[in-house]
Amino acid sequence: MGDGTLKSVFFIALMLLLLPMVSAKSEGGVNVDPVLEETIFSEISHTGVTTDFEIWEINFTLGQAAFENNTSFTLTTQICNNEGVCLPPENQPLSTIDNRSFMGNVTTIDDHTYVNWRVKANYTDDNNTKESFPPSGFYKTWSDCWFFENEWGGDGCVIPVKTTQNNDSLPAITGLITLSVITTAAIIRRQ
């Protein structure tokens, strides 16, 4: 293996080890919502905090330009539980009276952490081009009892809310040190 290839392998392995530490954009219990002006909607409202086995509801009103352009859209939801398992994303039916304001909902599951949601718009009068909100990933509505990054939170938890020591970065640091030692030894051996 050439010196450049070995450095590439090291860099890729380093990025894979650091990915769990950098990818967590969410903060436990803090909803992730769209910036209204960056969407096709003039209004979006939804259930602010979800509860197990209850309905999470969302209402959309298309902005004038999207309404005039015969824009249609799909609501996709995904529910994740406190064990870190997410159900597959599902498209939800939307109801409307005037083809401008829409309502959708989903019933939450037992012991859920949050409801993920996103919208995919289809601009019918613009060669059927599509746009996703958000462009990648999901918006997020947290439950009233969640477990995230070794921490319980929410006003609806039956168990006492407690924080445990977060040592998730320890395996990554240990792995990084081990990988560095092995790579350094391989480079020295090659020379």
N, C-alpha and C. Protein backbone atom coordinates (compact mmCIF):
# COMPACT_ATOMS: atom_id res chain seq x y z
N MET A 1 0.85 -1.18 0.00
CA MET A 1 0.00 0.00 0.00
C MET A 1 0.89 1.23 0.00
N GLY A 2 0.62 2.18 -0.91
CA GLY A 2 1.41 3.40 -0.99
C GLY A 2 1.14 4.32 0.18
N ASP A 3 2.03 5.26 0.38
CA ASP A 3 1.92 6.21 1.49
C ASP A 3 0.64 7.04 1.39
N GLY A 4 0.28 7.45 0.16
CA GLY A 4 -0.94 8.24 -0.03
C GLY A 4 -2.19 7.44 0.27
N THR A 5 -2.21 6.17 -0.11
CA THR A 5 -3.36 5.30 0.16
C THR A 5 -3.53 5.10 1.65
N LEU A 6 -2.41 4.90 2.34
CA LEU A 6 -2.46 4.69 3.79
C LEU A 6 -3.01 5.93 4.49
N LYS A 7 -2.60 7.10 4.04
CA LYS A 7 -3.11 8.34 4.62
C LYS A 7 -4.61 8.49 4.36
N SER A 8 -5.05 8.10 3.16
CA SER A 8 -6.48 8.16 2.83
C SER A 8 -7.30 7.25 3.72
N VAL A 9 -6.79 6.02 3.92
CA VAL A 9 -7.48 5.06 4.79
C VAL A 9 -7.56 5.60 6.21
N PHE A 10 -6.47 6.18 6.69
CA PHE A 10 -6.44 6.75 8.02
C PHE A 10 -7.46 7.88 8.15
N PHE A 11 -7.51 8.77 7.15
CA PHE A 11 -8.44 9.90 7.18
C PHE A 11 -9.89 9.41 7.20
N ILE A 12 -10.22 8.44 6.37
CA ILE A 12 -11.59 7.90 6.33
C ILE A 12 -11.95 7.26 7.66
N ALA A 13 -11.02 6.47 8.22
CA ALA A 13 -11.29 5.83 9.51
C ALA A 13 -11.47 6.88 10.60
N LEU A 14 -10.68 7.94 10.57
CA LEU A 14 -10.80 9.02 11.55
C LEU A 14 -12.17 9.68 11.45
N MET A 15 -12.64 9.96 10.24
CA MET A 15 -13.95 10.59 10.05
C MET A 15 -15.07 9.69 10.54
N LEU A 16 -14.95 8.38 10.29
CA LEU A 16 -15.98 7.45 10.75
C LEU A 16 -16.04 7.39 12.28
N LEU A 17 -14.88 7.49 12.93
CA LEU A 17 -14.86 7.47 14.39
C LEU A 17 -15.44 8.76 14.98
N LEU A 18 -15.20 9.89 14.32
CA LEU A 18 -15.67 11.17 14.85
C LEU A 18 -17.11 11.48 14.47
N LEU A 19 -17.67 10.78 13.48
CA LEU A 19 -19.02 11.06 13.00
C LEU A 19 -20.07 11.06 14.11
N PRO A 20 -20.10 10.05 15.02
CA PRO A 20 -21.13 10.10 16.07
C PRO A 20 -21.04 11.34 16.96
N MET A 21 -19.83 11.88 17.15
CA MET A 21 -19.68 13.04 18.02
C MET A 21 -20.14 14.33 17.34
N VAL A 22 -20.03 14.40 15.99
CA VAL A 22 -20.37 15.63 15.30
C VAL A 22 -21.78 15.64 14.74
N SER A 23 -22.36 14.47 14.49
CA SER A 23 -23.62 14.43 13.76
C SER A 23 -24.84 14.78 14.61
N ALA A 24 -24.70 14.80 15.91
CA ALA A 24 -25.86 15.07 16.75
C ALA A 24 -26.17 16.56 16.76
N LYS A 25 -27.04 16.99 15.84
CA LYS A 25 -27.43 18.39 15.76
C LYS A 25 -28.55 18.70 16.75
N SER A 26 -29.31 17.69 17.11
CA SER A 26 -30.47 17.89 17.96
C SER A 26 -30.07 18.10 19.41
N GLU A 27 -30.90 18.83 20.09
CA GLU A 27 -30.77 19.00 21.52
C GLU A 27 -32.01 18.37 22.13
N GLY A 28 -31.83 17.50 23.11
CA GLY A 28 -32.95 16.79 23.71
C GLY A 28 -34.07 17.71 24.15
N GLY A 29 -35.29 17.41 23.70
CA GLY A 29 -36.46 18.15 24.11
C GLY A 29 -36.71 19.45 23.37
N VAL A 30 -35.83 19.84 22.47
CA VAL A 30 -35.99 21.10 21.73
C VAL A 30 -36.47 20.78 20.32
N ASN A 31 -37.70 21.20 20.00
CA ASN A 31 -38.27 20.93 18.68
C ASN A 31 -37.43 21.57 17.59
N VAL A 32 -37.38 20.90 16.45
CA VAL A 32 -36.71 21.44 15.26
C VAL A 32 -37.82 21.76 14.27
N ASP A 33 -38.03 23.04 14.02
CA ASP A 33 -39.11 23.51 13.15
C ASP A 33 -38.54 24.30 11.97
N PRO A 34 -39.32 24.38 10.89
CA PRO A 34 -38.85 25.15 9.73
C PRO A 34 -38.89 26.65 9.99
N VAL A 35 -38.08 27.37 9.25
CA VAL A 35 -38.20 28.82 9.18
C VAL A 35 -39.27 29.06 8.12
N LEU A 36 -40.41 29.57 8.51
CA LEU A 36 -41.58 29.68 7.63
C LEU A 36 -41.24 30.35 6.30
N GLU A 37 -40.44 31.40 6.34
CA GLU A 37 -40.10 32.13 5.12
C GLU A 37 -39.27 31.30 4.13
N GLU A 38 -38.70 30.20 4.60
CA GLU A 38 -37.89 29.34 3.73
C GLU A 38 -38.71 28.16 3.19
N THR A 39 -40.03 28.22 3.34
CA THR A 39 -40.90 27.15 2.87
C THR A 39 -41.90 27.71 1.86
N ILE A 40 -42.78 26.84 1.39
CA ILE A 40 -43.84 27.23 0.46
C ILE A 40 -45.12 27.61 1.19
N PHE A 41 -45.08 27.61 2.52
CA PHE A 41 -46.28 27.81 3.33
C PHE A 41 -46.33 29.21 3.93
N SER A 42 -47.55 29.70 4.11
CA SER A 42 -47.72 30.97 4.81
C SER A 42 -47.96 30.72 6.30
N GLU A 43 -48.43 29.50 6.63
CA GLU A 43 -48.64 29.11 8.03
C GLU A 43 -48.36 27.63 8.20
N ILE A 44 -47.73 27.29 9.33
CA ILE A 44 -47.56 25.89 9.76
C ILE A 44 -47.78 25.88 11.26
N SER A 45 -48.66 25.02 11.72
CA SER A 45 -48.82 24.83 13.16
C SER A 45 -48.96 23.34 13.42
N HIS A 46 -48.44 22.90 14.56
CA HIS A 46 -48.52 21.48 14.91
C HIS A 46 -48.53 21.30 16.42
N THR A 47 -48.88 20.12 16.85
CA THR A 47 -48.83 19.77 18.27
C THR A 47 -47.43 20.07 18.76
N GLY A 48 -47.32 20.81 19.86
CA GLY A 48 -46.01 21.25 20.34
C GLY A 48 -45.24 20.19 21.10
N VAL A 49 -45.92 19.37 21.87
CA VAL A 49 -45.31 18.28 22.64
C VAL A 49 -46.22 17.08 22.48
N THR A 50 -45.64 15.94 22.14
CA THR A 50 -46.44 14.73 21.92
C THR A 50 -46.52 13.88 23.18
N THR A 51 -47.57 13.06 23.24
CA THR A 51 -47.80 12.14 24.35
C THR A 51 -48.08 10.76 23.76
N ASP A 52 -47.61 9.71 24.46
CA ASP A 52 -47.82 8.34 23.98
C ASP A 52 -49.29 8.07 23.68
N PHE A 53 -49.53 7.41 22.55
CA PHE A 53 -50.85 6.97 22.08
C PHE A 53 -51.83 8.11 21.79
N GLU A 54 -51.32 9.33 21.68
CA GLU A 54 -52.19 10.46 21.32
C GLU A 54 -51.85 10.95 19.92
N ILE A 55 -52.70 11.80 19.38
CA ILE A 55 -52.54 12.26 18.00
C ILE A 55 -51.61 13.47 17.94
N TRP A 56 -50.62 13.37 17.07
CA TRP A 56 -49.79 14.52 16.70
C TRP A 56 -50.44 15.07 15.44
N GLU A 57 -50.78 16.36 15.45
CA GLU A 57 -51.52 16.97 14.35
C GLU A 57 -50.72 18.14 13.79
N ILE A 58 -50.82 18.32 12.46
CA ILE A 58 -50.14 19.43 11.81
C ILE A 58 -51.07 20.07 10.80
N ASN A 59 -51.01 21.40 10.70
CA ASN A 59 -51.82 22.17 9.76
C ASN A 59 -50.90 23.03 8.91
N PHE A 60 -51.15 23.04 7.60
CA PHE A 60 -50.36 23.82 6.65
C PHE A 60 -51.29 24.73 5.86
N THR A 61 -50.84 25.92 5.53
CA THR A 61 -51.52 26.79 4.57
C THR A 61 -50.51 27.18 3.52
N LEU A 62 -50.80 26.85 2.26
CA LEU A 62 -49.90 27.20 1.17
C LEU A 62 -49.80 28.71 1.00
N GLY A 63 -48.61 29.19 0.69
CA GLY A 63 -48.43 30.59 0.35
C GLY A 63 -49.08 30.87 -1.00
N GLN A 64 -49.26 32.14 -1.31
CA GLN A 64 -49.97 32.53 -2.53
C GLN A 64 -49.32 31.95 -3.79
N ALA A 65 -47.99 32.08 -3.92
CA ALA A 65 -47.30 31.60 -5.13
C ALA A 65 -47.45 30.09 -5.28
N ALA A 66 -47.31 29.35 -4.21
CA ALA A 66 -47.45 27.88 -4.27
C ALA A 66 -48.89 27.49 -4.61
N PHE A 67 -49.84 28.22 -4.05
CA PHE A 67 -51.26 27.95 -4.33
C PHE A 67 -51.57 28.19 -5.81
N GLU A 68 -51.09 29.30 -6.35
CA GLU A 68 -51.35 29.64 -7.75
C GLU A 68 -50.62 28.72 -8.72
N ASN A 69 -49.55 28.06 -8.26
CA ASN A 69 -48.73 27.19 -9.10
C ASN A 69 -49.23 25.74 -9.05
N ASN A 70 -50.41 25.50 -8.45
CA ASN A 70 -50.96 24.15 -8.31
C ASN A 70 -49.97 23.21 -7.61
N THR A 71 -49.30 23.72 -6.60
CA THR A 71 -48.33 22.93 -5.86
C THR A 71 -49.06 21.89 -5.01
N SER A 72 -48.54 20.68 -5.06
CA SER A 72 -49.04 19.63 -4.17
C SER A 72 -47.87 19.20 -3.28
N PHE A 73 -48.17 18.54 -2.20
CA PHE A 73 -47.08 18.09 -1.32
C PHE A 73 -47.47 16.84 -0.56
N THR A 74 -46.44 16.16 -0.07
CA THR A 74 -46.60 14.94 0.70
C THR A 74 -46.00 15.16 2.08
N LEU A 75 -46.73 14.77 3.11
CA LEU A 75 -46.23 14.81 4.49
C LEU A 75 -45.73 13.41 4.84
N THR A 76 -44.49 13.33 5.30
CA THR A 76 -43.91 12.06 5.75
C THR A 76 -43.59 12.18 7.23
N THR A 77 -44.00 11.18 8.01
CA THR A 77 -43.69 11.17 9.44
C THR A 77 -42.91 9.90 9.77
N GLN A 78 -42.19 9.98 10.87
CA GLN A 78 -41.43 8.84 11.39
C GLN A 78 -41.42 8.99 12.91
N ILE A 79 -41.76 7.92 13.61
CA ILE A 79 -41.77 7.96 15.08
C ILE A 79 -40.61 7.13 15.60
N CYS A 80 -39.86 7.69 16.57
CA CYS A 80 -38.74 6.99 17.17
C CYS A 80 -39.02 6.78 18.66
N ASN A 81 -38.54 5.64 19.19
CA ASN A 81 -38.81 5.36 20.59
C ASN A 81 -37.60 5.63 21.47
N ASN A 82 -37.78 5.49 22.77
CA ASN A 82 -36.73 5.81 23.73
C ASN A 82 -35.60 4.79 23.77
N GLU A 83 -35.72 3.71 23.01
CA GLU A 83 -34.63 2.75 22.89
C GLU A 83 -33.76 3.06 21.68
N GLY A 84 -34.08 4.13 20.96
CA GLY A 84 -33.29 4.52 19.80
C GLY A 84 -33.70 3.85 18.50
N VAL A 85 -34.87 3.22 18.48
CA VAL A 85 -35.37 2.55 17.28
C VAL A 85 -36.42 3.43 16.63
N CYS A 86 -36.28 3.64 15.32
CA CYS A 86 -37.24 4.45 14.58
C CYS A 86 -38.06 3.56 13.65
N LEU A 87 -39.36 3.80 13.62
CA LEU A 87 -40.22 3.10 12.67
C LEU A 87 -39.89 3.62 11.27
N PRO A 88 -40.20 2.85 10.23
CA PRO A 88 -39.96 3.36 8.87
C PRO A 88 -40.79 4.61 8.61
N PRO A 89 -40.26 5.55 7.83
CA PRO A 89 -41.04 6.74 7.48
C PRO A 89 -42.30 6.35 6.72
N GLU A 90 -43.40 7.06 6.97
CA GLU A 90 -44.68 6.80 6.29
C GLU A 90 -45.28 8.09 5.78
N ASN A 91 -45.81 8.04 4.57
CA ASN A 91 -46.55 9.18 4.04
C ASN A 91 -47.92 9.21 4.70
N GLN A 92 -48.35 10.40 5.12
CA GLN A 92 -49.62 10.56 5.82
C GLN A 92 -50.65 11.19 4.89
N PRO A 93 -51.89 10.73 4.97
CA PRO A 93 -52.94 11.37 4.18
C PRO A 93 -53.20 12.78 4.71
N LEU A 94 -53.52 13.67 3.79
CA LEU A 94 -53.82 15.05 4.14
C LEU A 94 -55.27 15.34 3.78
N SER A 95 -55.95 16.11 4.60
CA SER A 95 -57.32 16.51 4.27
C SER A 95 -57.34 18.02 4.02
N THR A 96 -58.26 18.44 3.13
CA THR A 96 -58.39 19.86 2.80
C THR A 96 -59.82 20.15 2.37
N ILE A 97 -60.23 21.37 2.56
CA ILE A 97 -61.55 21.80 2.09
C ILE A 97 -61.38 22.71 0.88
N ASP A 98 -60.30 23.52 0.89
CA ASP A 98 -60.14 24.53 -0.15
C ASP A 98 -58.88 24.37 -1.00
N ASN A 99 -58.16 23.26 -0.88
CA ASN A 99 -56.90 23.00 -1.60
C ASN A 99 -55.82 24.04 -1.30
N ARG A 100 -55.99 24.75 -0.21
CA ARG A 100 -54.98 25.71 0.22
C ARG A 100 -54.52 25.42 1.65
N SER A 101 -55.45 25.04 2.51
CA SER A 101 -55.12 24.67 3.89
C SER A 101 -55.29 23.16 4.03
N PHE A 102 -54.32 22.54 4.68
CA PHE A 102 -54.29 21.08 4.80
C PHE A 102 -54.05 20.68 6.24
N MET A 103 -54.52 19.48 6.59
CA MET A 103 -54.34 18.94 7.92
C MET A 103 -53.93 17.48 7.81
N GLY A 104 -52.94 17.09 8.60
CA GLY A 104 -52.51 15.70 8.68
C GLY A 104 -52.25 15.33 10.12
N ASN A 105 -52.19 14.03 10.40
CA ASN A 105 -51.90 13.61 11.77
C ASN A 105 -51.38 12.18 11.78
N VAL A 106 -50.84 11.80 12.92
CA VAL A 106 -50.37 10.44 13.16
C VAL A 106 -50.54 10.17 14.65
N THR A 107 -50.86 8.94 15.00
CA THR A 107 -50.99 8.55 16.41
C THR A 107 -49.64 8.02 16.88
N THR A 108 -49.16 8.56 17.99
CA THR A 108 -47.85 8.16 18.50
C THR A 108 -47.90 6.76 19.11
N ILE A 109 -46.73 6.21 19.38
CA ILE A 109 -46.60 4.86 19.94
C ILE A 109 -46.18 4.94 21.40
N ASP A 110 -46.16 3.81 22.05
CA ASP A 110 -45.73 3.73 23.44
C ASP A 110 -44.25 4.07 23.56
N ASP A 111 -43.88 4.80 24.59
CA ASP A 111 -42.50 5.09 24.92
C ASP A 111 -41.75 5.76 23.77
N HIS A 112 -42.40 6.72 23.10
CA HIS A 112 -41.74 7.37 21.97
C HIS A 112 -40.95 8.59 22.43
N THR A 113 -39.91 8.88 21.67
CA THR A 113 -39.03 10.00 21.96
C THR A 113 -39.49 11.25 21.22
N TYR A 114 -39.79 11.08 19.92
CA TYR A 114 -40.21 12.22 19.11
C TYR A 114 -40.89 11.75 17.84
N VAL A 115 -41.52 12.71 17.17
CA VAL A 115 -42.10 12.50 15.84
C VAL A 115 -41.24 13.31 14.87
N ASN A 116 -40.63 12.61 13.92
CA ASN A 116 -39.92 13.28 12.82
C ASN A 116 -40.93 13.59 11.73
N TRP A 117 -40.75 14.69 11.01
CA TRP A 117 -41.63 15.00 9.90
C TRP A 117 -40.94 15.84 8.85
N ARG A 118 -41.39 15.67 7.62
CA ARG A 118 -40.86 16.44 6.50
C ARG A 118 -41.93 16.55 5.42
N VAL A 119 -41.72 17.49 4.50
CA VAL A 119 -42.67 17.74 3.42
C VAL A 119 -41.91 17.69 2.10
N LYS A 120 -42.51 17.03 1.12
CA LYS A 120 -41.94 17.03 -0.23
C LYS A 120 -42.96 17.69 -1.15
N ALA A 121 -42.55 18.83 -1.73
CA ALA A 121 -43.44 19.61 -2.60
C ALA A 121 -43.23 19.21 -4.05
N ASN A 122 -44.34 19.21 -4.80
CA ASN A 122 -44.31 18.95 -6.24
C ASN A 122 -44.92 20.17 -6.92
N TYR A 123 -44.09 20.88 -7.70
CA TYR A 123 -44.55 22.08 -8.38
C TYR A 123 -45.13 21.67 -9.73
N THR A 124 -46.43 21.43 -9.77
CA THR A 124 -47.11 20.89 -10.94
C THR A 124 -46.94 21.78 -12.16
N ASP A 125 -47.09 23.07 -12.01
CA ASP A 125 -47.00 23.98 -13.16
C ASP A 125 -45.57 24.33 -13.53
N ASP A 126 -44.60 23.74 -12.86
CA ASP A 126 -43.19 24.03 -13.13
C ASP A 126 -42.46 22.73 -13.47
N ASN A 127 -42.96 22.06 -14.52
CA ASN A 127 -42.37 20.80 -15.01
C ASN A 127 -42.27 19.73 -13.93
N ASN A 128 -43.21 19.73 -12.99
CA ASN A 128 -43.23 18.74 -11.92
C ASN A 128 -41.92 18.67 -11.14
N THR A 129 -41.27 19.80 -10.94
CA THR A 129 -40.06 19.79 -10.12
C THR A 129 -40.45 19.56 -8.67
N LYS A 130 -39.50 19.02 -7.91
CA LYS A 130 -39.77 18.67 -6.51
C LYS A 130 -38.78 19.38 -5.59
N GLU A 131 -39.22 19.63 -4.36
CA GLU A 131 -38.37 20.26 -3.35
C GLU A 131 -38.75 19.69 -2.00
N SER A 132 -37.75 19.41 -1.17
CA SER A 132 -38.00 18.85 0.16
C SER A 132 -37.76 19.89 1.24
N PHE A 133 -38.60 19.83 2.26
CA PHE A 133 -38.48 20.70 3.44
C PHE A 133 -38.44 19.81 4.67
N PRO A 134 -37.33 19.71 5.38
CA PRO A 134 -36.04 20.32 5.10
C PRO A 134 -35.38 19.64 3.90
N PRO A 135 -34.32 20.25 3.35
CA PRO A 135 -33.65 19.65 2.19
C PRO A 135 -33.13 18.24 2.46
N SER A 136 -32.75 17.94 3.69
CA SER A 136 -32.36 16.59 4.09
C SER A 136 -32.77 16.38 5.53
N GLY A 137 -32.99 15.16 5.92
CA GLY A 137 -33.38 14.85 7.29
C GLY A 137 -34.83 15.19 7.58
N PHE A 138 -35.10 15.53 8.83
CA PHE A 138 -36.46 15.77 9.30
C PHE A 138 -36.51 16.97 10.24
N TYR A 139 -37.71 17.53 10.36
CA TYR A 139 -38.02 18.40 11.49
C TYR A 139 -38.41 17.45 12.62
N LYS A 140 -38.51 17.95 13.85
CA LYS A 140 -38.68 17.06 14.99
C LYS A 140 -39.58 17.69 16.04
N THR A 141 -40.56 16.90 16.53
CA THR A 141 -41.40 17.30 17.64
C THR A 141 -41.19 16.29 18.77
N TRP A 142 -40.71 16.77 19.91
CA TRP A 142 -40.35 15.88 21.03
C TRP A 142 -41.56 15.49 21.86
N SER A 143 -41.43 14.34 22.52
CA SER A 143 -42.51 13.86 23.39
C SER A 143 -42.38 14.47 24.78
N ASP A 144 -43.38 14.20 25.61
CA ASP A 144 -43.35 14.71 26.98
C ASP A 144 -42.54 13.81 27.92
N CYS A 145 -41.95 12.73 27.37
CA CYS A 145 -41.04 11.88 28.14
C CYS A 145 -40.06 11.26 27.16
N TRP A 146 -38.87 11.80 27.11
CA TRP A 146 -37.87 11.35 26.13
C TRP A 146 -36.57 10.94 26.79
N PHE A 147 -35.84 10.08 26.08
CA PHE A 147 -34.50 9.65 26.49
C PHE A 147 -33.59 9.92 25.31
N PHE A 148 -32.57 10.76 25.53
CA PHE A 148 -31.69 11.18 24.44
C PHE A 148 -30.30 11.42 25.00
N GLU A 149 -29.30 10.79 24.39
CA GLU A 149 -27.92 10.92 24.82
C GLU A 149 -27.77 10.71 26.33
N ASN A 150 -28.30 9.58 26.80
CA ASN A 150 -28.22 9.16 28.20
C ASN A 150 -28.90 10.11 29.18
N GLU A 151 -29.87 10.86 28.71
CA GLU A 151 -30.57 11.80 29.58
C GLU A 151 -32.08 11.68 29.38
N TRP A 152 -32.83 11.63 30.48
CA TRP A 152 -34.30 11.64 30.44
C TRP A 152 -34.76 13.08 30.53
N GLY A 153 -35.87 13.37 29.88
CA GLY A 153 -36.42 14.71 29.97
C GLY A 153 -37.89 14.73 29.62
N GLY A 154 -38.52 15.85 29.83
CA GLY A 154 -39.94 16.02 29.54
C GLY A 154 -40.77 16.03 30.80
N ASP A 155 -41.90 16.74 30.73
CA ASP A 155 -42.78 16.88 31.89
C ASP A 155 -43.67 15.68 32.13
N GLY A 156 -43.73 14.74 31.20
CA GLY A 156 -44.64 13.60 31.34
C GLY A 156 -44.00 12.31 31.79
N CYS A 157 -42.74 12.35 32.20
CA CYS A 157 -42.05 11.11 32.61
C CYS A 157 -42.57 10.65 33.97
N VAL A 158 -42.89 9.38 34.05
CA VAL A 158 -43.31 8.78 35.31
C VAL A 158 -42.09 8.50 36.17
N ILE A 159 -40.99 8.13 35.51
CA ILE A 159 -39.75 7.86 36.24
C ILE A 159 -39.11 9.19 36.62
N PRO A 160 -38.32 9.22 37.70
CA PRO A 160 -37.66 10.47 38.06
C PRO A 160 -36.69 10.88 36.96
N VAL A 161 -36.70 12.15 36.62
CA VAL A 161 -35.79 12.65 35.60
C VAL A 161 -34.41 12.71 36.21
N LYS A 162 -33.45 12.02 35.55
CA LYS A 162 -32.08 12.03 36.05
C LYS A 162 -31.14 12.08 34.87
N THR A 163 -29.95 12.55 35.11
CA THR A 163 -28.92 12.61 34.09
C THR A 163 -27.83 11.64 34.48
N THR A 164 -27.41 10.82 33.52
CA THR A 164 -26.30 9.91 33.77
C THR A 164 -25.06 10.45 33.10
N GLN A 165 -23.92 10.02 33.59
CA GLN A 165 -22.65 10.46 33.01
C GLN A 165 -22.58 9.99 31.57
N ASN A 166 -22.26 10.86 30.66
CA ASN A 166 -22.17 10.53 29.24
C ASN A 166 -20.73 10.21 28.89
N ASN A 167 -20.45 8.93 28.68
CA ASN A 167 -19.11 8.51 28.31
C ASN A 167 -19.08 7.98 26.89
N ASP A 168 -20.01 8.43 26.04
CA ASP A 168 -20.06 7.96 24.66
C ASP A 168 -18.80 8.30 23.88
N SER A 169 -18.12 9.37 24.23
CA SER A 169 -16.94 9.76 23.47
C SER A 169 -15.73 8.92 23.84
N LEU A 170 -15.75 8.21 24.98
CA LEU A 170 -14.61 7.42 25.40
C LEU A 170 -14.26 6.34 24.39
N PRO A 171 -15.22 5.51 23.89
CA PRO A 171 -14.84 4.52 22.89
C PRO A 171 -14.29 5.16 21.62
N ALA A 172 -14.81 6.29 21.22
CA ALA A 172 -14.32 6.95 20.01
C ALA A 172 -12.89 7.44 20.22
N ILE A 173 -12.60 8.00 21.38
CA ILE A 173 -11.25 8.49 21.66
C ILE A 173 -10.28 7.31 21.73
N THR A 174 -10.67 6.22 22.42
CA THR A 174 -9.84 5.04 22.52
C THR A 174 -9.58 4.46 21.13
N GLY A 175 -10.64 4.38 20.33
CA GLY A 175 -10.50 3.86 18.97
C GLY A 175 -9.59 4.75 18.14
N LEU A 176 -9.71 6.05 18.29
CA LEU A 176 -8.88 7.00 17.56
C LEU A 176 -7.42 6.85 17.94
N ILE A 177 -7.13 6.71 19.22
CA ILE A 177 -5.75 6.52 19.68
C ILE A 177 -5.19 5.22 19.13
N THR A 178 -5.97 4.14 19.22
CA THR A 178 -5.53 2.83 18.71
C THR A 178 -5.25 2.91 17.22
N LEU A 179 -6.15 3.52 16.47
CA LEU A 179 -5.97 3.66 15.03
C LEU A 179 -4.74 4.50 14.71
N SER A 180 -4.50 5.56 15.48
CA SER A 180 -3.32 6.40 15.27
C SER A 180 -2.03 5.62 15.50
N VAL A 181 -2.00 4.82 16.57
CA VAL A 181 -0.80 4.03 16.88
C VAL A 181 -0.55 3.00 15.78
N ILE A 182 -1.59 2.32 15.32
CA ILE A 182 -1.43 1.31 14.27
C ILE A 182 -0.98 1.96 12.97
N THR A 183 -1.57 3.08 12.62
CA THR A 183 -1.20 3.78 11.39
C THR A 183 0.23 4.30 11.46
N THR A 184 0.61 4.87 12.58
CA THR A 184 1.98 5.37 12.75
C THR A 184 2.97 4.22 12.63
N ALA A 185 2.66 3.09 13.26
CA ALA A 185 3.54 1.91 13.18
C ALA A 185 3.66 1.42 11.74
N ALA A 186 2.54 1.44 11.00
CA ALA A 186 2.57 0.98 9.61
C ALA A 186 3.41 1.93 8.75
N ILE A 187 3.30 3.23 8.99
CA ILE A 187 4.08 4.20 8.21
C ILE A 187 5.56 4.06 8.53
N ILE A 188 5.91 3.91 9.81
CA ILE A 188 7.31 3.74 10.20
C ILE A 188 7.86 2.47 9.60
N ARG A 189 7.08 1.40 9.61
CA ARG A 189 7.52 0.10 9.08
C ARG A 189 7.78 0.21 7.58
N ARG A 190 6.92 0.96 6.86
CA ARG A 190 7.07 1.13 5.40
C ARG A 190 8.36 1.87 5.06
N GLN A 191 8.74 2.79 5.93
CA GLN A 191 9.93 3.60 5.65
C GLN A 191 11.12 2.82 6.03
